[in-house]
Amino acid sequence: MQAFNVQGMTCGHCVKAVTRAVQEQDVNAQVEVDLAGKQVRVQSALPAEQLLAAIREEGYEAEQA
């Protein structure tokens, strides 16, 4: 499980956008979003940089936790 700190998430739409962005890279990825804690946990075989790039493309600031 990889963890990322993601800034800018404020609502359910943000959760869906981040989840969709990750799953477009890996359809089998399991994504858990903690909106209040601004953290996203992803179970995926993809490298962290690829996942971070997908989240950033949605317009969020993201870094590995």
PDB file of N, CA and C in Angstrom:
ATOM      1  N   MET A   1       0.854  -1.176   0.000  1.00  0.00           N
ATOM      2  CA  MET A   1       0.000   0.000   0.000  1.00  0.00           C
ATOM      3  C   MET A   1       0.895   1.232   0.000  1.00  0.00           C
ATOM      4  N   GLN A   2       0.664   2.116  -0.950  1.00  0.00           N
ATOM      5  CA  GLN A   2       1.424   3.355  -1.045  1.00  0.00           C
ATOM      6  C   GLN A   2       0.552   4.495  -0.522  1.00  0.00           C
ATOM      7  N   ALA A   3       1.157   5.416   0.199  1.00  0.00           N
ATOM      8  CA  ALA A   3       0.407   6.533   0.770  1.00  0.00           C
ATOM      9  C   ALA A   3       0.918   7.847   0.187  1.00  0.00           C
ATOM     10  N   PHE A   4      -0.034   8.747  -0.081  1.00  0.00           N
ATOM     11  CA  PHE A   4       0.291  10.044  -0.653  1.00  0.00           C
ATOM     12  C   PHE A   4      -0.454  11.132   0.103  1.00  0.00           C
ATOM     13  N   ASN A   5       0.229  12.255   0.323  1.00  0.00           N
ATOM     14  CA  ASN A   5      -0.423  13.438   0.861  1.00  0.00           C
ATOM     15  C   ASN A   5      -0.903  14.247  -0.334  1.00  0.00           C
ATOM     16  N   VAL A   6      -2.200  14.541  -0.363  1.00  0.00           N
ATOM     17  CA  VAL A   6      -2.789  15.238  -1.506  1.00  0.00           C
ATOM     18  C   VAL A   6      -3.523  16.477  -1.013  1.00  0.00           C
ATOM     19  N   GLN A   7      -3.054  17.640  -1.448  1.00  0.00           N
ATOM     20  CA  GLN A   7      -3.655  18.914  -1.066  1.00  0.00           C
ATOM     21  C   GLN A   7      -4.675  19.335  -2.116  1.00  0.00           C
ATOM     22  N   GLY A   8      -5.727  20.004  -1.669  1.00  0.00           N
ATOM     23  CA  GLY A   8      -6.715  20.545  -2.593  1.00  0.00           C
ATOM     24  C   GLY A   8      -7.990  19.739  -2.684  1.00  0.00           C
ATOM     25  N   MET A   9      -8.039  18.573  -2.040  1.00  0.00           N
ATOM     26  CA  MET A   9      -9.259  17.772  -2.054  1.00  0.00           C
ATOM     27  C   MET A   9     -10.233  18.363  -1.024  1.00  0.00           C
ATOM     28  N   THR A  10     -11.459  18.670  -1.461  1.00  0.00           N
ATOM     29  CA  THR A  10     -12.412  19.304  -0.558  1.00  0.00           C
ATOM     30  C   THR A  10     -13.778  18.639  -0.516  1.00  0.00           C
ATOM     31  N   CYS A  11     -14.061  17.744  -1.474  1.00  0.00           N
ATOM     32  CA  CYS A  11     -15.426  17.210  -1.540  1.00  0.00           C
ATOM     33  C   CYS A  11     -15.444  15.829  -2.196  1.00  0.00           C
ATOM     34  N   GLY A  12     -16.629  15.276  -2.287  1.00  0.00           N
ATOM     35  CA  GLY A  12     -16.803  13.968  -2.908  1.00  0.00           C
ATOM     36  C   GLY A  12     -16.372  13.948  -4.360  1.00  0.00           C
ATOM     37  N   HIS A  13     -16.559  15.056  -5.062  1.00  0.00           N
ATOM     38  CA  HIS A  13     -16.119  15.124  -6.457  1.00  0.00           C
ATOM     39  C   HIS A  13     -14.608  14.954  -6.544  1.00  0.00           C
ATOM     40  N   CYS A  14     -13.886  15.566  -5.605  1.00  0.00           N
ATOM     41  CA  CYS A  14     -12.432  15.434  -5.567  1.00  0.00           C
ATOM     42  C   CYS A  14     -12.021  13.976  -5.344  1.00  0.00           C
ATOM     43  N   VAL A  15     -12.726  13.311  -4.438  1.00  0.00           N
ATOM     44  CA  VAL A  15     -12.448  11.899  -4.163  1.00  0.00           C
ATOM     45  C   VAL A  15     -12.623  11.081  -5.436  1.00  0.00           C
ATOM     46  N   LYS A  16     -13.714  11.311  -6.154  1.00  0.00           N
ATOM     47  CA  LYS A  16     -13.974  10.574  -7.398  1.00  0.00           C
ATOM     48  C   LYS A  16     -12.925  10.883  -8.449  1.00  0.00           C
ATOM     49  N   ALA A  17     -12.522  12.149  -8.548  1.00  0.00           N
ATOM     50  CA  ALA A  17     -11.533  12.548  -9.550  1.00  0.00           C
ATOM     51  C   ALA A  17     -10.186  11.870  -9.299  1.00  0.00           C
ATOM     52  N   VAL A  18      -9.755  11.852  -8.050  1.00  0.00           N
ATOM     53  CA  VAL A  18      -8.477  11.225  -7.707  1.00  0.00           C
ATOM     54  C   VAL A  18      -8.560   9.715  -7.922  1.00  0.00           C
ATOM     55  N   THR A  19      -9.654   9.117  -7.492  1.00  0.00           N
ATOM     56  CA  THR A  19      -9.834   7.672  -7.663  1.00  0.00           C
ATOM     57  C   THR A  19      -9.826   7.307  -9.147  1.00  0.00           C
ATOM     58  N   ARG A  20     -10.552   8.062  -9.942  1.00  0.00           N
ATOM     59  CA  ARG A  20     -10.621   7.798 -11.387  1.00  0.00           C
ATOM     60  C   ARG A  20      -9.240   7.960 -12.027  1.00  0.00           C
ATOM     61  N   ALA A  21      -8.506   8.994 -11.637  1.00  0.00           N
ATOM     62  CA  ALA A  21      -7.185   9.237 -12.215  1.00  0.00           C
ATOM     63  C   ALA A  21      -6.248   8.059 -11.964  1.00  0.00           C
ATOM     64  N   VAL A  22      -6.284   7.527 -10.741  1.00  0.00           N
ATOM     65  CA  VAL A  22      -5.430   6.378 -10.409  1.00  0.00           C
ATOM     66  C   VAL A  22      -5.892   5.141 -11.173  1.00  0.00           C
ATOM     67  N   GLN A  23      -7.194   4.903 -11.207  1.00  0.00           N
ATOM     68  CA  GLN A  23      -7.707   3.692 -11.848  1.00  0.00           C
ATOM     69  C   GLN A  23      -7.612   3.745 -13.364  1.00  0.00           C
ATOM     70  N   GLU A  24      -7.449   4.920 -13.941  1.00  0.00           N
ATOM     71  CA  GLU A  24      -7.170   4.993 -15.377  1.00  0.00           C
ATOM     72  C   GLU A  24      -5.771   4.475 -15.678  1.00  0.00           C
ATOM     73  N   GLN A  25      -4.875   4.567 -14.706  1.00  0.00           N
ATOM     74  CA  GLN A  25      -3.515   4.041 -14.856  1.00  0.00           C
ATOM     75  C   GLN A  25      -3.461   2.548 -14.547  1.00  0.00           C
ATOM     76  N   ASP A  26      -4.257   2.120 -13.586  1.00  0.00           N
ATOM     77  CA  ASP A  26      -4.296   0.711 -13.154  1.00  0.00           C
ATOM     78  C   ASP A  26      -5.737   0.382 -12.770  1.00  0.00           C
ATOM     79  N   VAL A  27      -6.449  -0.307 -13.656  1.00  0.00           N
ATOM     80  CA  VAL A  27      -7.868  -0.583 -13.422  1.00  0.00           C
ATOM     81  C   VAL A  27      -8.094  -1.441 -12.180  1.00  0.00           C
ATOM     82  N   ASN A  28      -7.082  -2.163 -11.745  1.00  0.00           N
ATOM     83  CA  ASN A  28      -7.219  -3.021 -10.574  1.00  0.00           C
ATOM     84  C   ASN A  28      -6.774  -2.350  -9.281  1.00  0.00           C
ATOM     85  N   ALA A  29      -6.372  -1.094  -9.357  1.00  0.00           N
ATOM     86  CA  ALA A  29      -5.887  -0.394  -8.166  1.00  0.00           C
ATOM     87  C   ALA A  29      -7.008  -0.243  -7.146  1.00  0.00           C
ATOM     88  N   GLN A  30      -6.651  -0.440  -5.879  1.00  0.00           N
ATOM     89  CA  GLN A  30      -7.574  -0.183  -4.780  1.00  0.00           C
ATOM     90  C   GLN A  30      -7.191   1.175  -4.211  1.00  0.00           C
ATOM     91  N   VAL A  31      -8.165   2.086  -4.157  1.00  0.00           N
ATOM     92  CA  VAL A  31      -7.902   3.457  -3.728  1.00  0.00           C
ATOM     93  C   VAL A  31      -8.738   3.779  -2.499  1.00  0.00           C
ATOM     94  N   GLU A  32      -8.073   4.269  -1.461  1.00  0.00           N
ATOM     95  CA  GLU A  32      -8.754   4.713  -0.245  1.00  0.00           C
ATOM     96  C   GLU A  32      -8.409   6.182  -0.052  1.00  0.00           C
ATOM     97  N   VAL A  33      -9.436   7.030   0.040  1.00  0.00           N
ATOM     98  CA  VAL A  33      -9.210   8.466   0.206  1.00  0.00           C
ATOM     99  C   VAL A  33      -9.706   8.901   1.577  1.00  0.00           C
ATOM    100  N   ASP A  34      -8.813   9.544   2.322  1.00  0.00           N
ATOM    101  CA  ASP A  34      -9.167  10.152   3.605  1.00  0.00           C
ATOM    102  C   ASP A  34      -9.243  11.650   3.350  1.00  0.00           C
ATOM    103  N   LEU A  35     -10.458  12.133   3.076  1.00  0.00           N
ATOM    104  CA  LEU A  35     -10.652  13.529   2.698  1.00  0.00           C
ATOM    105  C   LEU A  35     -10.200  14.474   3.805  1.00  0.00           C
ATOM    106  N   ALA A  36     -10.593  14.196   5.046  1.00  0.00           N
ATOM    107  CA  ALA A  36     -10.237  15.066   6.165  1.00  0.00           C
ATOM    108  C   ALA A  36      -8.727  15.083   6.402  1.00  0.00           C
ATOM    109  N   GLY A  37      -8.100  13.923   6.261  1.00  0.00           N
ATOM    110  CA  GLY A  37      -6.661  13.818   6.491  1.00  0.00           C
ATOM    111  C   GLY A  37      -5.823  14.151   5.276  1.00  0.00           C
ATOM    112  N   LYS A  38      -6.495  14.419   4.150  1.00  0.00           N
ATOM    113  CA  LYS A  38      -5.821  14.758   2.895  1.00  0.00           C
ATOM    114  C   LYS A  38      -4.807  13.691   2.490  1.00  0.00           C
ATOM    115  N   GLN A  39      -5.208  12.434   2.663  1.00  0.00           N
ATOM    116  CA  GLN A  39      -4.320  11.338   2.328  1.00  0.00           C
ATOM    117  C   GLN A  39      -5.020  10.353   1.390  1.00  0.00           C
ATOM    118  N   VAL A  40      -4.250   9.825   0.458  1.00  0.00           N
ATOM    119  CA  VAL A  40      -4.741   8.814  -0.478  1.00  0.00           C
ATOM    120  C   VAL A  40      -3.832   7.607  -0.348  1.00  0.00           C
ATOM    121  N   ARG A  41      -4.443   6.443  -0.147  1.00  0.00           N
ATOM    122  CA  ARG A  41      -3.699   5.187  -0.079  1.00  0.00           C
ATOM    123  C   ARG A  41      -4.071   4.358  -1.292  1.00  0.00           C
ATOM    124  N   VAL A  42      -3.058   3.817  -1.946  1.00  0.00           N
ATOM    125  CA  VAL A  42      -3.282   3.078  -3.190  1.00  0.00           C
ATOM    126  C   VAL A  42      -2.572   1.735  -3.121  1.00  0.00           C
ATOM    127  N   GLN A  43      -3.322   0.684  -3.435  1.00  0.00           N
ATOM    128  CA  GLN A  43      -2.744  -0.653  -3.595  1.00  0.00           C
ATOM    129  C   GLN A  43      -2.609  -0.881  -5.085  1.00  0.00           C
ATOM    130  N   SER A  44      -1.369  -0.842  -5.583  1.00  0.00           N
ATOM    131  CA  SER A  44      -1.126  -0.980  -7.014  1.00  0.00           C
ATOM    132  C   SER A  44       0.315  -1.418  -7.220  1.00  0.00           C
ATOM    133  N   ALA A  45       0.553  -2.097  -8.339  1.00  0.00           N
ATOM    134  CA  ALA A  45       1.911  -2.505  -8.692  1.00  0.00           C
ATOM    135  C   ALA A  45       2.664  -1.380  -9.395  1.00  0.00           C
ATOM    136  N   LEU A  46       1.966  -0.299  -9.729  1.00  0.00           N
ATOM    137  CA  LEU A  46       2.606   0.807 -10.441  1.00  0.00           C
ATOM    138  C   LEU A  46       3.546   1.568  -9.511  1.00  0.00           C
ATOM    139  N   PRO A  47       4.589   2.174 -10.089  1.00  0.00           N
ATOM    140  CA  PRO A  47       5.507   2.967  -9.265  1.00  0.00           C
ATOM    141  C   PRO A  47       4.832   4.237  -8.747  1.00  0.00           C
ATOM    142  N   ALA A  48       5.299   4.705  -7.605  1.00  0.00           N
ATOM    143  CA  ALA A  48       4.719   5.887  -6.966  1.00  0.00           C
ATOM    144  C   ALA A  48       4.723   7.091  -7.890  1.00  0.00           C
ATOM    145  N   GLU A  49       5.797   7.289  -8.645  1.00  0.00           N
ATOM    146  CA  GLU A  49       5.882   8.462  -9.519  1.00  0.00           C
ATOM    147  C   GLU A  49       4.777   8.475 -10.573  1.00  0.00           C
ATOM    148  N   GLN A  50       4.413   7.312 -11.078  1.00  0.00           N
ATOM    149  CA  GLN A  50       3.340   7.239 -12.076  1.00  0.00           C
ATOM    150  C   GLN A  50       1.995   7.597 -11.434  1.00  0.00           C
ATOM    151  N   LEU A  51       1.772   7.124 -10.229  1.00  0.00           N
ATOM    152  CA  LEU A  51       0.534   7.437  -9.518  1.00  0.00           C
ATOM    153  C   LEU A  51       0.476   8.916  -9.158  1.00  0.00           C
ATOM    154  N   LEU A  52       1.603   9.455  -8.696  1.00  0.00           N
ATOM    155  CA  LEU A  52       1.660  10.880  -8.373  1.00  0.00           C
ATOM    156  C   LEU A  52       1.380  11.728  -9.607  1.00  0.00           C
ATOM    157  N   ALA A  53       1.937  11.350 -10.731  1.00  0.00           N
ATOM    158  CA  ALA A  53       1.718  12.103 -11.968  1.00  0.00           C
ATOM    159  C   ALA A  53       0.242  12.118 -12.335  1.00  0.00           C
ATOM    160  N   ALA A  54      -0.429  10.982 -12.166  1.00  0.00           N
ATOM    161  CA  ALA A  54      -1.857  10.907 -12.494  1.00  0.00           C
ATOM    162  C   ALA A  54      -2.671  11.822 -11.580  1.00  0.00           C
ATOM    163  N   ILE A  55      -2.337  11.855 -10.305  1.00  0.00           N
ATOM    164  CA  ILE A  55      -3.049  12.714  -9.347  1.00  0.00           C
ATOM    165  C   ILE A  55      -2.776  14.180  -9.664  1.00  0.00           C
ATOM    166  N   ARG A  56      -1.530  14.496  -9.968  1.00  0.00           N
ATOM    167  CA  ARG A  56      -1.162  15.881 -10.279  1.00  0.00           C
ATOM    168  C   ARG A  56      -1.838  16.366 -11.551  1.00  0.00           C
ATOM    169  N   GLU A  57      -2.024  15.470 -12.516  1.00  0.00           N
ATOM    170  CA  GLU A  57      -2.690  15.852 -13.768  1.00  0.00           C
ATOM    171  C   GLU A  57      -4.131  16.286 -13.516  1.00  0.00           C
ATOM    172  N   GLU A  58      -4.724  15.816 -12.420  1.00  0.00           N
ATOM    173  CA  GLU A  58      -6.076  16.231 -12.064  1.00  0.00           C
ATOM    174  C   GLU A  58      -6.091  17.600 -11.383  1.00  0.00           C
ATOM    175  N   GLY A  59      -4.910  18.154 -11.122  1.00  0.00           N
ATOM    176  CA  GLY A  59      -4.821  19.489 -10.556  1.00  0.00           C
ATOM    177  C   GLY A  59      -4.559  19.547  -9.065  1.00  0.00           C
ATOM    178  N   TYR A  60      -4.186  18.436  -8.476  1.00  0.00           N
ATOM    179  CA  TYR A  60      -3.918  18.392  -7.037  1.00  0.00           C
ATOM    180  C   TYR A  60      -2.418  18.355  -6.771  1.00  0.00           C
ATOM    181  N   GLU A  61      -2.018  18.973  -5.666  1.00  0.00           N
ATOM    182  CA  GLU A  61      -0.636  18.879  -5.222  1.00  0.00           C
ATOM    183  C   GLU A  61      -0.505  17.560  -4.479  1.00  0.00           C
ATOM    184  N   ALA A  62       0.473  16.767  -4.867  1.00  0.00           N
ATOM    185  CA  ALA A  62       0.620  15.444  -4.259  1.00  0.00           C
ATOM    186  C   ALA A  62       2.081  15.121  -4.037  1.00  0.00           C
ATOM    187  N   GLU A  63       2.335  14.421  -2.937  1.00  0.00           N
ATOM    188  CA  GLU A  63       3.683  13.932  -2.640  1.00  0.00           C
ATOM    189  C   GLU A  63       3.552  12.623  -1.893  1.00  0.00           C
ATOM    190  N   GLN A  64       4.606  11.826  -1.966  1.00  0.00           N
ATOM    191  CA  GLN A  64       4.574  10.548  -1.255  1.00  0.00           C
ATOM    192  C   GLN A  64       4.643  10.812   0.246  1.00  0.00           C
ATOM    193  N   ALA A  65       3.826  10.090   0.997  1.00  0.00           N
ATOM    194  CA  ALA A  65       3.780  10.292   2.466  1.00  0.00           C
ATOM    195  C   ALA A  65       4.916   9.556   3.134  1.00  0.00           C
TER     196      ALA A  65
END
